[in-house]
Amino acid sequence: MDRSLGVIPRSIDESKSQSFRIAKTILKVHKEVQVIVLNLLQFTNL
């Protein structure tokens, strides 16, 4: 019983860190896409 109680918080921490990593990746990709779109818009406006 103590063993299962020890495992539960660890899995919650693991899922939290995984979701944080996914969120960071999404933000990074979003920034890169934003830069690409802005560059394309500038290019088409010239």
PDB file of N, CA and C in Angstrom:
ATOM      1  N   MET A   1       0.827  -1.196   0.000  1.00  0.00           N
ATOM      2  CA  MET A   1       0.000   0.000   0.000  1.00  0.00           C
ATOM      3  C   MET A   1       0.875   1.265   0.000  1.00  0.00           C
ATOM      4  N   ASP A   2       1.914   1.265   0.809  1.00  0.00           N
ATOM      5  CA  ASP A   2       2.827   2.412   0.812  1.00  0.00           C
ATOM      6  C   ASP A   2       3.489   2.584  -0.554  1.00  0.00           C
ATOM      7  N   ARG A   3       3.751   1.444  -1.180  1.00  0.00           N
ATOM      8  CA  ARG A   3       4.419   1.486  -2.475  1.00  0.00           C
ATOM      9  C   ARG A   3       3.537   2.183  -3.519  1.00  0.00           C
ATOM     10  N   SER A   4       2.249   1.851  -3.563  1.00  0.00           N
ATOM     11  CA  SER A   4       1.356   2.476  -4.538  1.00  0.00           C
ATOM     12  C   SER A   4       1.202   3.970  -4.256  1.00  0.00           C
ATOM     13  N   LEU A   5       1.182   4.340  -2.971  1.00  0.00           N
ATOM     14  CA  LEU A   5       1.089   5.759  -2.625  1.00  0.00           C
ATOM     15  C   LEU A   5       2.343   6.508  -3.066  1.00  0.00           C
ATOM     16  N   GLY A   6       3.488   5.829  -3.046  1.00  0.00           N
ATOM     17  CA  GLY A   6       4.724   6.453  -3.502  1.00  0.00           C
ATOM     18  C   GLY A   6       4.758   6.630  -5.014  1.00  0.00           C
ATOM     19  N   VAL A   7       4.070   5.743  -5.724  1.00  0.00           N
ATOM     20  CA  VAL A   7       4.104   5.789  -7.187  1.00  0.00           C
ATOM     21  C   VAL A   7       3.193   6.887  -7.732  1.00  0.00           C
ATOM     22  N   ILE A   8       2.069   7.127  -7.086  1.00  0.00           N
ATOM     23  CA  ILE A   8       1.077   8.078  -7.607  1.00  0.00           C
ATOM     24  C   ILE A   8       1.648   9.499  -7.777  1.00  0.00           C
ATOM     25  N   PRO A   9       2.275  10.091  -6.761  1.00  0.00           N
ATOM     26  CA  PRO A   9       2.807  11.443  -6.957  1.00  0.00           C
ATOM     27  C   PRO A   9       3.876  11.499  -8.046  1.00  0.00           C
ATOM     28  N   ARG A  10       4.674  10.438  -8.151  1.00  0.00           N
ATOM     29  CA  ARG A  10       5.721  10.430  -9.159  1.00  0.00           C
ATOM     30  C   ARG A  10       5.110  10.476 -10.559  1.00  0.00           C
ATOM     31  N   SER A  11       4.042   9.701 -10.781  1.00  0.00           N
ATOM     32  CA  SER A  11       3.416   9.690 -12.099  1.00  0.00           C
ATOM     33  C   SER A  11       2.758  11.041 -12.398  1.00  0.00           C
ATOM     34  N   ILE A  12       2.209  11.687 -11.368  1.00  0.00           N
ATOM     35  CA  ILE A  12       1.621  13.020 -11.557  1.00  0.00           C
ATOM     36  C   ILE A  12       2.715  14.015 -11.945  1.00  0.00           C
ATOM     37  N   ASP A  13       3.870  13.948 -11.250  1.00  0.00           N
ATOM     38  CA  ASP A  13       4.987  14.831 -11.592  1.00  0.00           C
ATOM     39  C   ASP A  13       5.478  14.567 -13.010  1.00  0.00           C
ATOM     40  N   GLU A  14       5.540  13.290 -13.385  1.00  0.00           N
ATOM     41  CA  GLU A  14       5.995  12.950 -14.732  1.00  0.00           C
ATOM     42  C   GLU A  14       5.040  13.497 -15.788  1.00  0.00           C
ATOM     43  N   SER A  15       3.741  13.368 -15.556  1.00  0.00           N
ATOM     44  CA  SER A  15       2.781  13.870 -16.537  1.00  0.00           C
ATOM     45  C   SER A  15       2.820  15.393 -16.588  1.00  0.00           C
ATOM     46  N   LYS A  16       3.041  16.038 -15.426  1.00  0.00           N
ATOM     47  CA  LYS A  16       3.155  17.501 -15.409  1.00  0.00           C
ATOM     48  C   LYS A  16       4.360  17.950 -16.217  1.00  0.00           C
ATOM     49  N   SER A  17       5.517  17.332 -15.972  1.00  0.00           N
ATOM     50  CA  SER A  17       6.725  17.737 -16.689  1.00  0.00           C
ATOM     51  C   SER A  17       6.575  17.459 -18.183  1.00  0.00           C
ATOM     52  N   GLN A  18       5.890  16.368 -18.526  1.00  0.00           N
ATOM     53  CA  GLN A  18       5.683  16.050 -19.937  1.00  0.00           C
ATOM     54  C   GLN A  18       4.781  17.098 -20.588  1.00  0.00           C
ATOM     55  N   SER A  19       3.718  17.504 -19.893  1.00  0.00           N
ATOM     56  CA  SER A  19       2.818  18.507 -20.467  1.00  0.00           C
ATOM     57  C   SER A  19       3.516  19.859 -20.569  1.00  0.00           C
ATOM     58  N   PHE A  20       4.399  20.164 -19.601  1.00  0.00           N
ATOM     59  CA  PHE A  20       5.167  21.406 -19.687  1.00  0.00           C
ATOM     60  C   PHE A  20       6.098  21.375 -20.893  1.00  0.00           C
ATOM     61  N   ARG A  21       6.725  20.203 -21.127  1.00  0.00           N
ATOM     62  CA  ARG A  21       7.616  20.082 -22.286  1.00  0.00           C
ATOM     63  C   ARG A  21       6.833  20.241 -23.576  1.00  0.00           C
ATOM     64  N   ILE A  22       5.639  19.651 -23.635  1.00  0.00           N
ATOM     65  CA  ILE A  22       4.799  19.770 -24.828  1.00  0.00           C
ATOM     66  C   ILE A  22       4.396  21.229 -25.042  1.00  0.00           C
ATOM     67  N   ALA A  23       4.026  21.907 -23.947  1.00  0.00           N
ATOM     68  CA  ALA A  23       3.632  23.316 -24.047  1.00  0.00           C
ATOM     69  C   ALA A  23       4.795  24.174 -24.524  1.00  0.00           C
ATOM     70  N   LYS A  24       5.993  23.925 -23.997  1.00  0.00           N
ATOM     71  CA  LYS A  24       7.172  24.680 -24.436  1.00  0.00           C
ATOM     72  C   LYS A  24       7.428  24.462 -25.913  1.00  0.00           C
ATOM     73  N   THR A  25       7.297  23.212 -26.358  1.00  0.00           N
ATOM     74  CA  THR A  25       7.526  22.896 -27.766  1.00  0.00           C
ATOM     75  C   THR A  25       6.509  23.605 -28.645  1.00  0.00           C
ATOM     76  N   ILE A  26       5.242  23.602 -28.220  1.00  0.00           N
ATOM     77  CA  ILE A  26       4.193  24.276 -28.994  1.00  0.00           C
ATOM     78  C   ILE A  26       4.488  25.768 -29.091  1.00  0.00           C
ATOM     79  N   LEU A  27       4.895  26.385 -27.973  1.00  0.00           N
ATOM     80  CA  LEU A  27       5.213  27.811 -27.985  1.00  0.00           C
ATOM     81  C   LEU A  27       6.393  28.102 -28.906  1.00  0.00           C
ATOM     82  N   LYS A  28       7.402  27.230 -28.867  1.00  0.00           N
ATOM     83  CA  LYS A  28       8.580  27.418 -29.712  1.00  0.00           C
ATOM     84  C   LYS A  28       8.188  27.337 -31.182  1.00  0.00           C
ATOM     85  N   VAL A  29       7.406  26.313 -31.536  1.00  0.00           N
ATOM     86  CA  VAL A  29       6.970  26.135 -32.919  1.00  0.00           C
ATOM     87  C   VAL A  29       6.093  27.303 -33.344  1.00  0.00           C
ATOM     88  N   HIS A  30       5.219  27.762 -32.444  1.00  0.00           N
ATOM     89  CA  HIS A  30       4.339  28.886 -32.757  1.00  0.00           C
ATOM     90  C   HIS A  30       5.145  30.132 -33.081  1.00  0.00           C
ATOM     91  N   LYS A  31       6.194  30.391 -32.287  1.00  0.00           N
ATOM     92  CA  LYS A  31       7.044  31.555 -32.551  1.00  0.00           C
ATOM     93  C   LYS A  31       7.715  31.435 -33.908  1.00  0.00           C
ATOM     94  N   GLU A  32       8.228  30.245 -34.226  1.00  0.00           N
ATOM     95  CA  GLU A  32       8.897  30.044 -35.511  1.00  0.00           C
ATOM     96  C   GLU A  32       7.925  30.231 -36.662  1.00  0.00           C
ATOM     97  N   VAL A  33       6.719  29.699 -36.529  1.00  0.00           N
ATOM     98  CA  VAL A  33       5.704  29.850 -37.576  1.00  0.00           C
ATOM     99  C   VAL A  33       5.336  31.321 -37.735  1.00  0.00           C
ATOM    100  N   GLN A  34       5.228  32.033 -36.618  1.00  0.00           N
ATOM    101  CA  GLN A  34       4.894  33.457 -36.660  1.00  0.00           C
ATOM    102  C   GLN A  34       5.954  34.229 -37.439  1.00  0.00           C
ATOM    103  N   VAL A  35       7.231  33.935 -37.182  1.00  0.00           N
ATOM    104  CA  VAL A  35       8.322  34.602 -37.894  1.00  0.00           C
ATOM    105  C   VAL A  35       8.252  34.300 -39.386  1.00  0.00           C
ATOM    106  N   ILE A  36       7.996  33.045 -39.727  1.00  0.00           N
ATOM    107  CA  ILE A  36       7.906  32.654 -41.141  1.00  0.00           C
ATOM    108  C   ILE A  36       6.754  33.379 -41.824  1.00  0.00           C
ATOM    109  N   VAL A  37       5.594  33.424 -41.168  1.00  0.00           N
ATOM    110  CA  VAL A  37       4.421  34.090 -41.754  1.00  0.00           C
ATOM    111  C   VAL A  37       4.686  35.581 -41.931  1.00  0.00           C
ATOM    112  N   LEU A  38       5.282  36.212 -40.923  1.00  0.00           N
ATOM    113  CA  LEU A  38       5.591  37.643 -41.033  1.00  0.00           C
ATOM    114  C   LEU A  38       6.580  37.901 -42.164  1.00  0.00           C
ATOM    115  N   ASN A  39       7.574  37.037 -42.315  1.00  0.00           N
ATOM    116  CA  ASN A  39       8.534  37.188 -43.410  1.00  0.00           C
ATOM    117  C   ASN A  39       7.845  37.030 -44.757  1.00  0.00           C
ATOM    118  N   LEU A  40       6.935  36.072 -44.872  1.00  0.00           N
ATOM    119  CA  LEU A  40       6.209  35.876 -46.124  1.00  0.00           C
ATOM    120  C   LEU A  40       5.330  37.083 -46.436  1.00  0.00           C
ATOM    121  N   LEU A  41       4.688  37.635 -45.409  1.00  0.00           N
ATOM    122  CA  LEU A  41       3.841  38.806 -45.624  1.00  0.00           C
ATOM    123  C   LEU A  41       4.672  39.999 -46.090  1.00  0.00           C
ATOM    124  N   GLN A  42       5.837  40.195 -45.487  1.00  0.00           N
ATOM    125  CA  GLN A  42       6.712  41.289 -45.923  1.00  0.00           C
ATOM    126  C   GLN A  42       7.160  41.065 -47.360  1.00  0.00           C
ATOM    127  N   PHE A  43       7.475  39.815 -47.683  1.00  0.00           N
ATOM    128  CA  PHE A  43       7.952  39.488 -49.026  1.00  0.00           C
ATOM    129  C   PHE A  43       6.860  39.737 -50.066  1.00  0.00           C
ATOM    130  N   THR A  44       5.621  39.386 -49.744  1.00  0.00           N
ATOM    131  CA  THR A  44       4.534  39.562 -50.709  1.00  0.00           C
ATOM    132  C   THR A  44       4.124  41.029 -50.827  1.00  0.00           C
ATOM    133  N   ASN A  45       4.331  41.813 -49.773  1.00  0.00           N
ATOM    134  CA  ASN A  45       3.977  43.230 -49.832  1.00  0.00           C
ATOM    135  C   ASN A  45       4.971  44.033 -50.656  1.00  0.00           C
ATOM    136  N   LEU A  46       6.186  43.519 -50.851  1.00  0.00           N
ATOM    137  CA  LEU A  46       7.166  44.205 -51.690  1.00  0.00           C
ATOM    138  C   LEU A  46       6.826  43.945 -53.129  1.00  0.00           C
TER     139      LEU A  46
END
